Amino acid sequence: SIRWEGEHEGEVVAVHRTPEGVQVHVKTVEPMQVADKLCFDRYTEVLTRRGWVLIQDVELATDEVCCLVEGAPAYLSPLALHRYPNAEEMVEIFSEGVHIRVTPDHRLYVGVSGPDSTLHLVQARALVAIPERLFWVQRLDGSLIVANTSAARSVRTDEAVYCVTVPGNDHVLYVRQ
């Protein structure tokens, strides 16, 4: 007899006989936690079809949030809005045209070589670690905002953070603060 001893509930999705015995595949879903990819502070606004709204005011039943999907803006219905009581550490990026606080593992779509460089998803903590140089953040209209990595710093906080879950993987949410 095989027993599931995972921290979260699991569902058996496949069972295979192998030369070594029986192999059981279990599907589990772990709840999101602070520092999972899309966590913002409460001052962050999300672009929706009804305009810019504070992240904690996104309505799951009626709002569609603007995301970058395959290089183009698209509106998606959010699956969930998560609130966590305390992030402890966030990365603040404060420069002309950019003011945002995100959890350290949050990925941002930035270019770090020059305005003609390819934009990449980069963890916010990496911007704190880069020696002083310029980086670019893409705006909704496709234009780029220039910022300096010296404007990226780690800050301590005891405020709640908010995370929006949308369908698909690696979609970039359009936000402002």
Protein backbone atom coordinates (compact mmCIF):
# COMPACT_ATOMS: atom_id res chain seq x y z
CA SER A 1 0.00 0.00 0.00
CA ILE A 2 1.28 3.49 -0.90
CA ARG A 3 0.30 6.47 1.19
CA TRP A 4 0.41 10.19 0.21
CA GLU A 5 2.26 12.17 2.86
CA GLY A 6 2.46 15.56 1.16
CA GLU A 7 1.83 18.82 2.99
CA HIS A 8 -1.15 19.59 0.69
CA GLU A 9 -3.99 17.39 -0.50
CA GLY A 10 -3.19 15.34 -3.57
CA GLU A 11 -5.13 13.62 -6.33
CA VAL A 12 -3.87 10.44 -8.00
CA VAL A 13 -3.76 11.13 -11.74
CA ALA A 14 -1.85 8.09 -13.02
CA VAL A 15 -0.53 4.72 -11.85
CA HIS A 16 2.13 2.77 -13.80
CA ARG A 17 3.80 -0.59 -13.26
CA THR A 18 7.57 -0.43 -13.67
CA PRO A 19 10.27 -3.09 -13.24
CA GLU A 20 10.96 -1.55 -9.82
CA GLY A 21 7.31 -1.68 -8.71
CA VAL A 22 4.37 0.70 -8.94
CA GLN A 23 4.81 4.40 -9.78
CA VAL A 24 2.02 6.73 -8.65
CA HIS A 25 1.66 10.30 -10.03
CA VAL A 26 -0.04 12.72 -7.66
CA LYS A 27 -1.29 16.19 -8.63
CA THR A 28 -1.31 18.81 -5.89
CA VAL A 29 -1.85 22.55 -5.81
CA GLU A 30 0.09 24.62 -3.33
CA PRO A 31 -1.51 27.90 -2.29
CA MET A 32 0.29 31.08 -3.38
CA GLN A 33 2.50 32.65 -0.77
CA VAL A 34 4.27 35.94 -0.27
CA ALA A 35 7.05 36.37 -2.85
CA ASP A 36 5.28 34.30 -5.48
CA LYS A 37 5.69 36.08 -8.77
CA LEU A 38 2.96 38.75 -8.92
CA CYS A 39 2.94 40.50 -5.55
CA PHE A 40 2.53 44.27 -5.33
CA ASP A 41 1.94 46.76 -2.52
CA ARG A 42 -1.51 48.28 -1.90
CA TYR A 43 -0.70 51.49 -3.78
CA THR A 44 -0.33 49.68 -7.10
CA GLU A 45 -2.96 50.29 -9.75
CA VAL A 46 -3.86 47.66 -12.34
CA LEU A 47 -5.12 48.55 -15.81
CA THR A 48 -8.60 47.09 -16.37
CA ARG A 49 -11.26 47.66 -19.02
CA ARG A 50 -12.86 50.17 -16.64
CA GLY A 51 -9.58 52.07 -16.24
CA TRP A 52 -6.87 52.10 -13.56
CA VAL A 53 -7.99 50.56 -10.24
CA LEU A 54 -6.10 49.83 -7.04
CA ILE A 55 -5.03 46.19 -7.00
CA GLN A 56 -7.13 45.37 -3.93
CA ASP A 57 -10.23 46.75 -5.73
CA VAL A 58 -10.02 44.38 -8.73
CA GLU A 59 -13.44 42.71 -9.08
CA LEU A 60 -13.04 39.03 -9.99
CA ALA A 61 -16.60 38.72 -11.30
CA THR A 62 -16.54 41.70 -13.65
CA ASP A 63 -13.01 43.06 -14.27
CA GLU A 64 -10.62 42.07 -17.00
CA VAL A 65 -6.99 43.04 -16.36
CA CYS A 66 -4.55 44.13 -19.06
CA CYS A 67 -1.62 41.76 -19.56
CA LEU A 68 1.17 41.41 -22.08
CA VAL A 69 0.39 38.18 -23.94
CA GLU A 70 2.74 37.08 -26.73
CA GLY A 71 4.07 40.64 -27.07
CA ALA A 72 0.71 42.43 -27.27
CA PRO A 73 -1.72 43.88 -24.69
CA ALA A 74 -4.70 41.61 -23.96
CA TYR A 75 -7.47 41.71 -21.35
CA LEU A 76 -7.87 38.57 -19.23
CA SER A 77 -10.37 37.68 -16.53
CA PRO A 78 -8.47 37.26 -13.25
CA LEU A 79 -8.82 33.86 -11.60
CA ALA A 80 -7.99 35.04 -8.09
CA LEU A 81 -6.88 38.02 -6.02
CA HIS A 82 -4.67 37.06 -3.10
CA ARG A 83 -3.88 39.21 -0.06
CA TYR A 84 -1.03 38.37 2.26
CA PRO A 85 -0.65 40.21 5.57
CA ASN A 86 3.08 40.93 5.46
CA ALA A 87 5.76 40.77 2.78
CA GLU A 88 8.59 41.83 5.14
CA GLU A 89 10.88 42.69 2.21
CA MET A 90 10.05 44.39 -1.07
CA VAL A 91 12.04 45.92 -3.90
CA GLU A 92 11.24 49.56 -4.52
CA ILE A 93 12.04 51.07 -7.90
CA PHE A 94 11.81 54.84 -7.79
CA SER A 95 12.96 56.88 -10.76
CA GLU A 96 11.46 59.38 -13.17
CA GLY A 97 8.42 57.66 -14.67
CA VAL A 98 8.71 54.58 -12.41
CA HIS A 99 7.61 54.11 -8.79
CA ILE A 100 6.64 50.61 -7.79
CA ARG A 101 7.12 48.16 -4.93
CA VAL A 102 7.14 44.43 -5.65
CA THR A 103 8.23 41.30 -3.84
CA PRO A 104 11.87 40.32 -4.52
CA ASP A 105 11.01 37.30 -6.72
CA HIS A 106 8.53 39.31 -8.79
CA ARG A 107 9.61 39.38 -12.42
CA LEU A 108 9.68 42.63 -14.38
CA TYR A 109 9.94 43.04 -18.14
CA VAL A 110 13.12 45.12 -18.51
CA GLY A 111 16.12 45.73 -20.74
CA VAL A 112 19.43 46.24 -18.96
CA SER A 113 21.84 47.02 -21.81
CA GLY A 114 20.28 49.90 -23.73
CA PRO A 115 17.03 51.03 -25.32
CA ASP A 116 17.66 48.73 -28.31
CA SER A 117 18.32 45.72 -26.09
CA THR A 118 15.96 42.80 -25.90
CA LEU A 119 13.53 43.04 -22.99
CA HIS A 120 13.66 40.14 -20.54
CA LEU A 121 11.73 39.00 -17.50
CA VAL A 122 14.10 39.75 -14.60
CA GLN A 123 13.54 39.19 -10.89
CA ALA A 124 13.28 42.48 -9.02
CA ARG A 125 16.06 41.43 -6.62
CA ALA A 126 18.44 41.28 -9.61
CA LEU A 127 17.95 45.01 -10.24
CA VAL A 128 19.18 45.73 -6.70
CA ALA A 129 22.29 43.61 -7.33
CA ILE A 130 23.24 45.14 -10.71
CA PRO A 131 26.03 47.74 -10.47
CA GLU A 132 24.75 51.21 -11.24
CA ARG A 133 23.56 51.30 -14.83
CA LEU A 134 20.47 52.21 -16.79
CA PHE A 135 17.58 49.88 -17.50
CA TRP A 136 14.36 50.28 -19.43
CA VAL A 137 10.77 49.40 -18.49
CA GLN A 138 8.13 49.09 -21.21
CA ARG A 139 4.95 51.21 -21.06
CA LEU A 140 1.55 50.09 -22.31
CA ASP A 141 1.92 52.18 -25.48
CA GLY A 142 5.18 50.36 -26.26
CA SER A 143 7.42 53.29 -25.32
CA LEU A 144 10.24 52.75 -22.87
CA ILE A 145 10.87 54.48 -19.54
CA VAL A 146 14.54 54.85 -18.65
CA ALA A 147 15.52 54.25 -15.02
CA ASN A 148 18.73 53.68 -13.12
CA THR A 149 19.48 50.56 -11.07
CA SER A 150 20.62 52.84 -8.27
CA ALA A 151 16.89 53.60 -7.98
CA ALA A 152 16.18 49.94 -7.13
CA ARG A 153 16.56 49.17 -3.44
CA SER A 154 15.41 46.63 -0.93
CA VAL A 155 13.00 47.98 1.70
CA ARG A 156 11.48 46.46 4.84
CA THR A 157 7.72 46.69 5.26
CA ASP A 158 4.95 45.33 7.42
CA GLU A 159 2.20 46.12 4.91
CA ALA A 160 0.03 43.62 3.09
CA VAL A 161 0.81 42.58 -0.48
CA TYR A 162 -1.59 41.66 -3.27
CA CYS A 163 -1.25 39.14 -6.08
CA VAL A 164 -3.49 38.72 -9.13
CA THR A 165 -3.65 35.30 -10.78
CA VAL A 166 -4.49 35.26 -14.50
CA PRO A 167 -4.82 32.34 -16.93
CA GLY A 168 -1.62 31.19 -18.63
CA ASN A 169 2.06 31.47 -17.80
CA ASP A 170 4.48 34.38 -17.85
CA HIS A 171 1.90 37.07 -18.60
CA VAL A 172 2.99 40.55 -17.58
CA LEU A 173 0.37 42.64 -15.77
CA TYR A 174 0.17 46.35 -16.66
CA VAL A 175 0.48 48.34 -13.43
CA ARG A 176 1.33 51.82 -12.20
CA GLN A 177 1.71 53.54 -8.86
